[in-house]
């Protein structure tokens, strides 16, 4: 049985590999914030939403978290990113 992680950019093809109900043991689907950022960024560039501007500015912090994790084992990257991103994600959802 395969194991590991699949980093998804949000396209439906990934859902054929990894079931969202976690029905295929050993594989974890990791979503990508970049796909959600794209819509906010479009609004930001159009200067049509103050919330979009604030959202993009807060999301930048998520990308800064990933750099120090490069080259580490999957479990170490996941743990470090979850710990460092928890407050940022909570803040984004509150916004």
PDB file of N, CA and C in Angstrom:
ATOM      1  N   UNK A   1       0.853  -1.172   0.000  1.00  0.00           N
ATOM      2  CA  UNK A   1       0.000   0.000   0.000  1.00  0.00           C
ATOM      3  C   UNK A   1       0.901   1.239   0.000  1.00  0.00           C
ATOM      4  N   UNK A   2       0.666   2.199  -0.891  1.00  0.00           N
ATOM      5  CA  UNK A   2       1.487   3.409  -0.923  1.00  0.00           C
ATOM      6  C   UNK A   2       1.242   4.272   0.309  1.00  0.00           C
ATOM      7  N   UNK A   3       2.222   5.089   0.638  1.00  0.00           N
ATOM      8  CA  UNK A   3       2.053   6.021   1.751  1.00  0.00           C
ATOM      9  C   UNK A   3       2.790   7.300   1.420  1.00  0.00           C
ATOM     10  N   UNK A   4       2.438   8.376   2.098  1.00  0.00           N
ATOM     11  CA  UNK A   4       3.100   9.654   1.883  1.00  0.00           C
ATOM     12  C   UNK A   4       2.090  10.764   1.746  1.00  0.00           C
ATOM     13  N   UNK A   5       2.511  11.834   1.109  1.00  0.00           N
ATOM     14  CA  UNK A   5       1.653  12.990   0.953  1.00  0.00           C
ATOM     15  C   UNK A   5       1.535  13.395  -0.502  1.00  0.00           C
ATOM     16  N   UNK A   6       0.393  13.960  -0.848  1.00  0.00           N
ATOM     17  CA  UNK A   6       0.160  14.493  -2.181  1.00  0.00           C
ATOM     18  C   UNK A   6      -0.175  15.960  -2.011  1.00  0.00           C
ATOM     19  N   UNK A   7       0.641  16.816  -2.617  1.00  0.00           N
ATOM     20  CA  UNK A   7       0.397  18.250  -2.545  1.00  0.00           C
ATOM     21  C   UNK A   7      -0.528  18.627  -3.678  1.00  0.00           C
ATOM     22  N   UNK A   8      -1.710  19.124  -3.339  1.00  0.00           N
ATOM     23  CA  UNK A   8      -2.729  19.429  -4.338  1.00  0.00           C
ATOM     24  C   UNK A   8      -2.781  20.914  -4.636  1.00  0.00           C
ATOM     25  N   UNK A   9      -2.882  21.212  -5.903  1.00  0.00           N
ATOM     26  CA  UNK A   9      -3.100  22.600  -6.308  1.00  0.00           C
ATOM     27  C   UNK A   9      -4.584  22.869  -6.503  1.00  0.00           C
ATOM     28  N   UNK A  10      -5.411  21.955  -6.045  1.00  0.00           N
ATOM     29  CA  UNK A  10      -6.845  22.160  -6.061  1.00  0.00           C
ATOM     30  C   UNK A  10      -7.561  21.559  -7.257  1.00  0.00           C
ATOM     31  N   UNK A  11      -6.848  20.925  -8.153  1.00  0.00           N
ATOM     32  CA  UNK A  11      -7.491  20.362  -9.326  1.00  0.00           C
ATOM     33  C   UNK A  11      -8.142  19.026  -8.991  1.00  0.00           C
ATOM     34  N   UNK A  12      -9.256  18.747  -9.635  1.00  0.00           N
ATOM     35  CA  UNK A  12     -10.063  17.560  -9.341  1.00  0.00           C
ATOM     36  C   UNK A  12      -9.296  16.261  -9.542  1.00  0.00           C
ATOM     37  N   UNK A  13      -8.321  16.240 -10.420  1.00  0.00           N
ATOM     38  CA  UNK A  13      -7.575  15.002 -10.677  1.00  0.00           C
ATOM     39  C   UNK A  13      -6.954  14.434  -9.399  1.00  0.00           C
ATOM     40  N   UNK A  14      -6.562  15.292  -8.480  1.00  0.00           N
ATOM     41  CA  UNK A  14      -5.949  14.814  -7.241  1.00  0.00           C
ATOM     42  C   UNK A  14      -6.922  14.020  -6.390  1.00  0.00           C
ATOM     43  N   UNK A  15      -8.201  14.330  -6.511  1.00  0.00           N
ATOM     44  CA  UNK A  15      -9.185  13.633  -5.688  1.00  0.00           C
ATOM     45  C   UNK A  15      -9.368  12.183  -6.127  1.00  0.00           C
ATOM     46  N   UNK A  16      -8.920  11.846  -7.315  1.00  0.00           N
ATOM     47  CA  UNK A  16      -8.945  10.448  -7.744  1.00  0.00           C
ATOM     48  C   UNK A  16      -7.808   9.669  -7.074  1.00  0.00           C
ATOM     49  N   UNK A  17      -6.742  10.373  -6.714  1.00  0.00           N
ATOM     50  CA  UNK A  17      -5.607   9.737  -6.050  1.00  0.00           C
ATOM     51  C   UNK A  17      -5.826   9.611  -4.548  1.00  0.00           C
ATOM     52  N   UNK A  18      -6.419  10.620  -3.958  1.00  0.00           N
ATOM     53  CA  UNK A  18      -6.588  10.675  -2.511  1.00  0.00           C
ATOM     54  C   UNK A  18      -8.036  11.017  -2.196  1.00  0.00           C
ATOM     55  N   UNK A  19      -8.703  10.130  -1.487  1.00  0.00           N
ATOM     56  CA  UNK A  19     -10.103  10.373  -1.153  1.00  0.00           C
ATOM     57  C   UNK A  19     -10.196  11.305   0.043  1.00  0.00           C
ATOM     58  N   UNK A  20     -11.106  12.266  -0.022  1.00  0.00           N
ATOM     59  CA  UNK A  20     -11.254  13.236   1.061  1.00  0.00           C
ATOM     60  C   UNK A  20     -11.746  12.597   2.355  1.00  0.00           C
ATOM     61  N   UNK A  21     -12.375  11.418   2.267  1.00  0.00           N
ATOM     62  CA  UNK A  21     -12.839  10.728   3.476  1.00  0.00           C
ATOM     63  C   UNK A  21     -11.741   9.907   4.131  1.00  0.00           C
ATOM     64  N   UNK A  22     -10.501  10.070   3.614  1.00  0.00           N
ATOM     65  CA  UNK A  22      -9.317   9.369   4.111  1.00  0.00           C
ATOM     66  C   UNK A  22      -9.450   7.847   3.974  1.00  0.00           C
ATOM     67  N   UNK A  23     -10.212   7.428   2.968  1.00  0.00           N
ATOM     68  CA  UNK A  23     -10.463   6.013   2.741  1.00  0.00           C
ATOM     69  C   UNK A  23      -9.274   5.238   2.224  1.00  0.00           C
ATOM     70  N   UNK A  24      -8.248   5.913   1.745  1.00  0.00           N
ATOM     71  CA  UNK A  24      -7.055   5.192   1.300  1.00  0.00           C
ATOM     72  C   UNK A  24      -5.930   5.483   2.278  1.00  0.00           C
ATOM     73  N   UNK A  25      -5.795   4.591   3.232  1.00  0.00           N
ATOM     74  CA  UNK A  25      -4.831   4.740   4.318  1.00  0.00           C
ATOM     75  C   UNK A  25      -3.430   5.025   3.805  1.00  0.00           C
ATOM     76  N   UNK A  26      -2.734   5.890   4.502  1.00  0.00           N
ATOM     77  CA  UNK A  26      -1.331   6.118   4.223  1.00  0.00           C
ATOM     78  C   UNK A  26      -1.034   7.303   3.325  1.00  0.00           C
ATOM     79  N   UNK A  27      -2.044   7.860   2.644  1.00  0.00           N
ATOM     80  CA  UNK A  27      -1.808   9.006   1.771  1.00  0.00           C
ATOM     81  C   UNK A  27      -2.573  10.195   2.330  1.00  0.00           C
ATOM     82  N   UNK A  28      -1.892  11.309   2.483  1.00  0.00           N
ATOM     83  CA  UNK A  28      -2.490  12.521   3.011  1.00  0.00           C
ATOM     84  C   UNK A  28      -2.550  13.569   1.909  1.00  0.00           C
ATOM     85  N   UNK A  29      -3.714  14.174   1.728  1.00  0.00           N
ATOM     86  CA  UNK A  29      -3.883  15.246   0.754  1.00  0.00           C
ATOM     87  C   UNK A  29      -3.559  16.572   1.427  1.00  0.00           C
ATOM     88  N   UNK A  30      -2.618  17.312   0.858  1.00  0.00           N
ATOM     89  CA  UNK A  30      -2.234  18.618   1.383  1.00  0.00           C
ATOM     90  C   UNK A  30      -2.681  19.678   0.389  1.00  0.00           C
ATOM     91  N   UNK A  31      -3.614  20.518   0.794  1.00  0.00           N
ATOM     92  CA  UNK A  31      -4.132  21.562  -0.080  1.00  0.00           C
ATOM     93  C   UNK A  31      -3.147  22.704  -0.250  1.00  0.00           C
ATOM     94  N   UNK A  32      -3.409  23.532  -1.225  1.00  0.00           N
ATOM     95  CA  UNK A  32      -2.508  24.636  -1.554  1.00  0.00           C
ATOM     96  C   UNK A  32      -3.232  25.969  -1.387  1.00  0.00           C
ATOM     97  N   UNK A  33      -2.690  26.806  -0.536  1.00  0.00           N
ATOM     98  CA  UNK A  33      -3.278  28.125  -0.313  1.00  0.00           C
ATOM     99  C   UNK A  33      -3.164  29.013  -1.548  1.00  0.00           C
ATOM    100  N   UNK A  34      -2.246  28.697  -2.433  1.00  0.00           N
ATOM    101  CA  UNK A  34      -2.043  29.515  -3.617  1.00  0.00           C
ATOM    102  C   UNK A  34      -3.313  29.613  -4.459  1.00  0.00           C
ATOM    103  N   UNK A  35      -4.071  28.538  -4.537  1.00  0.00           N
ATOM    104  CA  UNK A  35      -5.296  28.562  -5.331  1.00  0.00           C
ATOM    105  C   UNK A  35      -6.326  29.525  -4.749  1.00  0.00           C
ATOM    106  N   UNK A  36      -6.472  29.567  -3.434  1.00  0.00           N
ATOM    107  CA  UNK A  36      -7.424  30.507  -2.838  1.00  0.00           C
ATOM    108  C   UNK A  36      -6.894  31.936  -2.902  1.00  0.00           C
ATOM    109  N   UNK A  37      -5.585  32.083  -2.848  1.00  0.00           N
ATOM    110  CA  UNK A  37      -4.983  33.410  -2.923  1.00  0.00           C
ATOM    111  C   UNK A  37      -5.260  34.070  -4.265  1.00  0.00           C
ATOM    112  N   UNK A  38      -5.303  33.279  -5.316  1.00  0.00           N
ATOM    113  CA  UNK A  38      -5.462  33.816  -6.667  1.00  0.00           C
ATOM    114  C   UNK A  38      -6.679  34.733  -6.779  1.00  0.00           C
ATOM    115  N   UNK A  39      -7.817  34.331  -6.251  1.00  0.00           N
ATOM    116  CA  UNK A  39      -9.040  35.144  -6.337  1.00  0.00           C
ATOM    117  C   UNK A  39      -8.893  36.451  -5.552  1.00  0.00           C
ATOM    118  N   UNK A  40      -8.317  36.349  -4.366  1.00  0.00           N
ATOM    119  CA  UNK A  40      -8.106  37.556  -3.566  1.00  0.00           C
ATOM    120  C   UNK A  40      -7.136  38.502  -4.269  1.00  0.00           C
ATOM    121  N   UNK A  41      -6.107  37.938  -4.879  1.00  0.00           N
ATOM    122  CA  UNK A  41      -5.117  38.755  -5.578  1.00  0.00           C
ATOM    123  C   UNK A  41      -5.751  39.495  -6.756  1.00  0.00           C
ATOM    124  N   UNK A  42      -6.624  38.833  -7.496  1.00  0.00           N
ATOM    125  CA  UNK A  42      -7.313  39.483  -8.617  1.00  0.00           C
ATOM    126  C   UNK A  42      -8.122  40.683  -8.132  1.00  0.00           C
ATOM    127  N   UNK A  43      -8.804  40.533  -7.009  1.00  0.00           N
ATOM    128  CA  UNK A  43      -9.565  41.655  -6.435  1.00  0.00           C
ATOM    129  C   UNK A  43      -8.629  42.750  -5.939  1.00  0.00           C
ATOM    130  N   UNK A  44      -7.516  42.341  -5.364  1.00  0.00           N
ATOM    131  CA  UNK A  44      -6.510  43.286  -4.867  1.00  0.00           C
ATOM    132  C   UNK A  44      -5.961  44.135  -6.016  1.00  0.00           C
ATOM    133  N   UNK A  45      -5.589  43.500  -7.113  1.00  0.00           N
ATOM    134  CA  UNK A  45      -5.039  44.217  -8.268  1.00  0.00           C
ATOM    135  C   UNK A  45      -6.076  45.184  -8.844  1.00  0.00           C
ATOM    136  N   UNK A  46      -7.336  44.766  -8.841  1.00  0.00           N
ATOM    137  CA  UNK A  46      -8.408  45.616  -9.357  1.00  0.00           C
ATOM    138  C   UNK A  46      -8.790  46.720  -8.371  1.00  0.00           C
ATOM    139  N   UNK A  47      -8.168  46.682  -7.183  1.00  0.00           N
ATOM    140  CA  UNK A  47      -8.455  47.644  -6.115  1.00  0.00           C
ATOM    141  C   UNK A  47      -9.951  47.736  -5.821  1.00  0.00           C
ATOM    142  N   UNK A  48     -10.604  46.580  -5.846  1.00  0.00           N
ATOM    143  CA  UNK A  48     -12.054  46.562  -5.646  1.00  0.00           C
ATOM    144  C   UNK A  48     -12.479  46.041  -4.276  1.00  0.00           C
ATOM    145  N   UNK A  49     -11.498  45.691  -3.437  1.00  0.00           N
ATOM    146  CA  UNK A  49     -11.874  45.135  -2.143  1.00  0.00           C
ATOM    147  C   UNK A  49     -10.771  45.361  -1.108  1.00  0.00           C
ATOM    148  N   UNK A  50     -11.118  46.072  -0.049  1.00  0.00           N
ATOM    149  CA  UNK A  50     -10.159  46.280   1.043  1.00  0.00           C
ATOM    150  C   UNK A  50      -9.900  44.959   1.775  1.00  0.00           C
ATOM    151  N   UNK A  51     -10.911  44.117   1.862  1.00  0.00           N
ATOM    152  CA  UNK A  51     -10.746  42.814   2.509  1.00  0.00           C
ATOM    153  C   UNK A  51      -9.767  41.962   1.701  1.00  0.00           C
ATOM    154  N   UNK A  52      -9.852  42.033   0.385  1.00  0.00           N
ATOM    155  CA  UNK A  52      -8.928  41.259  -0.458  1.00  0.00           C
ATOM    156  C   UNK A  52      -7.495  41.725  -0.251  1.00  0.00           C
ATOM    157  N   UNK A  53      -7.283  43.016  -0.149  1.00  0.00           N
ATOM    158  CA  UNK A  53      -5.939  43.551   0.082  1.00  0.00           C
ATOM    159  C   UNK A  53      -5.398  43.031   1.408  1.00  0.00           C
ATOM    160  N   UNK A  54      -6.199  43.102   2.444  1.00  0.00           N
ATOM    161  CA  UNK A  54      -5.781  42.627   3.773  1.00  0.00           C
ATOM    162  C   UNK A  54      -5.517  41.119   3.755  1.00  0.00           C
ATOM    163  N   UNK A  55      -6.346  40.381   3.042  1.00  0.00           N
ATOM    164  CA  UNK A  55      -6.177  38.927   2.958  1.00  0.00           C
ATOM    165  C   UNK A  55      -4.861  38.568   2.288  1.00  0.00           C
ATOM    166  N   UNK A  56      -4.560  39.210   1.171  1.00  0.00           N
ATOM    167  CA  UNK A  56      -3.306  38.937   0.456  1.00  0.00           C
ATOM    168  C   UNK A  56      -2.110  39.270   1.341  1.00  0.00           C
ATOM    169  N   UNK A  57      -2.171  40.386   2.043  1.00  0.00           N
ATOM    170  CA  UNK A  57      -1.060  40.776   2.917  1.00  0.00           C
ATOM    171  C   UNK A  57      -0.849  39.754   4.033  1.00  0.00           C
ATOM    172  N   UNK A  58      -1.918  39.196   4.560  1.00  0.00           N
ATOM    173  CA  UNK A  58      -1.789  38.186   5.617  1.00  0.00           C
ATOM    174  C   UNK A  58      -1.313  36.852   5.064  1.00  0.00           C
ATOM    175  N   UNK A  59      -1.739  36.514   3.846  1.00  0.00           N
ATOM    176  CA  UNK A  59      -1.339  35.243   3.240  1.00  0.00           C
ATOM    177  C   UNK A  59       0.157  35.204   2.925  1.00  0.00           C
ATOM    178  N   UNK A  60       0.758  36.348   2.700  1.00  0.00           N
ATOM    179  CA  UNK A  60       2.201  36.403   2.436  1.00  0.00           C
ATOM    180  C   UNK A  60       2.961  35.716   3.565  1.00  0.00           C
ATOM    181  N   UNK A  61       2.468  35.842   4.769  1.00  0.00           N
ATOM    182  CA  UNK A  61       3.115  35.217   5.927  1.00  0.00           C
ATOM    183  C   UNK A  61       3.146  33.690   5.804  1.00  0.00           C
ATOM    184  N   UNK A  62       2.135  33.111   5.137  1.00  0.00           N
ATOM    185  CA  UNK A  62       2.117  31.657   4.959  1.00  0.00           C
ATOM    186  C   UNK A  62       3.259  31.197   4.065  1.00  0.00           C
ATOM    187  N   UNK A  63       3.578  31.959   3.025  1.00  0.00           N
ATOM    188  CA  UNK A  63       4.660  31.574   2.109  1.00  0.00           C
ATOM    189  C   UNK A  63       6.023  31.717   2.785  1.00  0.00           C
ATOM    190  N   UNK A  64       6.133  32.643   3.702  1.00  0.00           N
ATOM    191  CA  UNK A  64       7.393  32.824   4.418  1.00  0.00           C
ATOM    192  C   UNK A  64       7.684  31.633   5.328  1.00  0.00           C
ATOM    193  N   UNK A  65       6.654  30.959   5.788  1.00  0.00           N
ATOM    194  CA  UNK A  65       6.812  29.798   6.664  1.00  0.00           C
ATOM    195  C   UNK A  65       7.474  28.642   5.917  1.00  0.00           C
ATOM    196  N   UNK A  66       7.156  28.458   4.664  1.00  0.00           N
ATOM    197  CA  UNK A  66       7.642  27.311   3.909  1.00  0.00           C
ATOM    198  C   UNK A  66       9.128  27.297   3.631  1.00  0.00           C
ATOM    199  N   UNK A  67       9.736  28.437   3.488  1.00  0.00           N
ATOM    200  CA  UNK A  67      11.156  28.488   3.108  1.00  0.00           C
ATOM    201  C   UNK A  67      12.079  27.745   4.078  1.00  0.00           C
ATOM    202  N   UNK A  68      11.972  27.956   5.377  1.00  0.00           N
ATOM    203  CA  UNK A  68      12.878  27.238   6.293  1.00  0.00           C
ATOM    204  C   UNK A  68      12.634  25.725   6.342  1.00  0.00           C
ATOM    205  N   UNK A  69      11.498  25.271   5.840  1.00  0.00           N
ATOM    206  CA  UNK A  69      11.157  23.846   5.882  1.00  0.00           C
ATOM    207  C   UNK A  69      11.717  23.071   4.694  1.00  0.00           C
ATOM    208  N   UNK A  70      12.198  23.760   3.697  1.00  0.00           N
ATOM    209  CA  UNK A  70      12.678  23.099   2.477  1.00  0.00           C
ATOM    210  C   UNK A  70      13.769  22.092   2.801  1.00  0.00           C
ATOM    211  N   UNK A  71      13.650  20.927   2.195  1.00  0.00           N
ATOM    212  CA  UNK A  71      14.665  19.894   2.359  1.00  0.00           C
ATOM    213  C   UNK A  71      14.464  18.984   3.556  1.00  0.00           C
ATOM    214  N   UNK A  72      13.520  19.304   4.421  1.00  0.00           N
ATOM    215  CA  UNK A  72      13.260  18.457   5.589  1.00  0.00           C
ATOM    216  C   UNK A  72      12.320  17.317   5.205  1.00  0.00           C
ATOM    217  N   UNK A  73      12.273  16.309   6.021  1.00  0.00           N
ATOM    218  CA  UNK A  73      11.367  15.182   5.807  1.00  0.00           C
ATOM    219  C   UNK A  73       9.921  15.660   5.878  1.00  0.00           C
ATOM    220  N   UNK A  74       9.017  14.942   5.197  1.00  0.00           N
ATOM    221  CA  UNK A  74       7.617  15.335   5.126  1.00  0.00           C
ATOM    222  C   UNK A  74       7.023  15.584   6.509  1.00  0.00           C
ATOM    223  N   UNK A  75       7.202  14.660   7.438  1.00  0.00           N
ATOM    224  CA  UNK A  75       6.620  14.822   8.775  1.00  0.00           C
ATOM    225  C   UNK A  75       7.138  16.074   9.468  1.00  0.00           C
ATOM    226  N   UNK A  76       8.416  16.364   9.312  1.00  0.00           N
ATOM    227  CA  UNK A  76       9.010  17.554   9.927  1.00  0.00           C
ATOM    228  C   UNK A  76       8.463  18.821   9.281  1.00  0.00           C
ATOM    229  N   UNK A  77       8.293  18.816   7.960  1.00  0.00           N
ATOM    230  CA  UNK A  77       7.735  19.984   7.259  1.00  0.00           C
ATOM    231  C   UNK A  77       6.302  20.238   7.694  1.00  0.00           C
ATOM    232  N   UNK A  78       5.517  19.175   7.754  1.00  0.00           N
ATOM    233  CA  UNK A  78       4.112  19.306   8.147  1.00  0.00           C
ATOM    234  C   UNK A  78       4.007  19.874   9.556  1.00  0.00           C
ATOM    235  N   UNK A  79       4.747  19.310  10.488  1.00  0.00           N
ATOM    236  CA  UNK A  79       4.684  19.763  11.884  1.00  0.00           C
ATOM    237  C   UNK A  79       5.115  21.221  12.009  1.00  0.00           C
ATOM    238  N   UNK A  80       6.208  21.588  11.361  1.00  0.00           N
ATOM    239  CA  UNK A  80       6.706  22.970  11.446  1.00  0.00           C
ATOM    240  C   UNK A  80       5.725  23.952  10.823  1.00  0.00           C
ATOM    241  N   UNK A  81       5.182  23.594   9.683  1.00  0.00           N
ATOM    242  CA  UNK A  81       4.235  24.495   9.001  1.00  0.00           C
ATOM    243  C   UNK A  81       2.939  24.633   9.778  1.00  0.00           C
ATOM    244  N   UNK A  82       2.441  23.533  10.333  1.00  0.00           N
ATOM    245  CA  UNK A  82       1.195  23.612  11.101  1.00  0.00           C
ATOM    246  C   UNK A  82       1.372  24.478  12.338  1.00  0.00           C
ATOM    247  N   UNK A  83       2.481  24.298  13.010  1.00  0.00           N
ATOM    248  CA  UNK A  83       2.731  25.089  14.221  1.00  0.00           C
ATOM    249  C   UNK A  83       2.852  26.574  13.886  1.00  0.00           C
ATOM    250  N   UNK A  84       3.612  26.892  12.859  1.00  0.00           N
ATOM    251  CA  UNK A  84       3.853  28.290  12.506  1.00  0.00           C
ATOM    252  C   UNK A  84       2.662  28.945  11.830  1.00  0.00           C
ATOM    253  N   UNK A  85       1.807  28.166  11.184  1.00  0.00           N
ATOM    254  CA  UNK A  85       0.706  28.760  10.428  1.00  0.00           C
ATOM    255  C   UNK A  85      -0.610  28.837  11.187  1.00  0.00           C
ATOM    256  N   UNK A  86      -0.734  28.154  12.296  1.00  0.00           N
ATOM    257  CA  UNK A  86      -2.013  28.077  13.012  1.00  0.00           C
ATOM    258  C   UNK A  86      -2.593  29.456  13.317  1.00  0.00           C
ATOM    259  N   UNK A  87      -1.805  30.338  13.870  1.00  0.00           N
ATOM    260  CA  UNK A  87      -2.303  31.672  14.227  1.00  0.00           C
ATOM    261  C   UNK A  87      -2.657  32.485  12.980  1.00  0.00           C
ATOM    262  N   UNK A  88      -1.880  32.342  11.924  1.00  0.00           N
ATOM    263  CA  UNK A  88      -2.143  33.072  10.681  1.00  0.00           C
ATOM    264  C   UNK A  88      -3.463  32.614  10.063  1.00  0.00           C
ATOM    265  N   UNK A  89      -3.668  31.308  10.016  1.00  0.00           N
ATOM    266  CA  UNK A  89      -4.898  30.756   9.438  1.00  0.00           C
ATOM    267  C   UNK A  89      -6.108  31.150  10.280  1.00  0.00           C
ATOM    268  N   UNK A  90      -5.981  31.089  11.583  1.00  0.00           N
ATOM    269  CA  UNK A  90      -7.067  31.534  12.455  1.00  0.00           C
ATOM    270  C   UNK A  90      -7.411  32.991  12.173  1.00  0.00           C
ATOM    271  N   UNK A  91      -6.404  33.805  12.023  1.00  0.00           N
ATOM    272  CA  UNK A  91      -6.585  35.227  11.717  1.00  0.00           C
ATOM    273  C   UNK A  91      -7.269  35.428  10.365  1.00  0.00           C
ATOM    274  N   UNK A  92      -6.873  34.630   9.371  1.00  0.00           N
ATOM    275  CA  UNK A  92      -7.505  34.731   8.049  1.00  0.00           C
ATOM    276  C   UNK A  92      -8.982  34.382   8.103  1.00  0.00           C
ATOM    277  N   UNK A  93      -9.309  33.315   8.819  1.00  0.00           N
ATOM    278  CA  UNK A  93     -10.712  32.926   8.913  1.00  0.00           C
ATOM    279  C   UNK A  93     -11.524  33.962   9.696  1.00  0.00           C
ATOM    280  N   UNK A  94     -10.916  34.602  10.680  1.00  0.00           N
ATOM    281  CA  UNK A  94     -11.610  35.660  11.428  1.00  0.00           C
ATOM    282  C   UNK A  94     -11.875  36.879  10.537  1.00  0.00           C
ATOM    283  N   UNK A  95     -10.935  37.146   9.628  1.00  0.00           N
ATOM    284  CA  UNK A  95     -11.102  38.272   8.696  1.00  0.00           C
ATOM    285  C   UNK A  95     -12.280  38.026   7.777  1.00  0.00           C
TER     286      UNK A  95
END
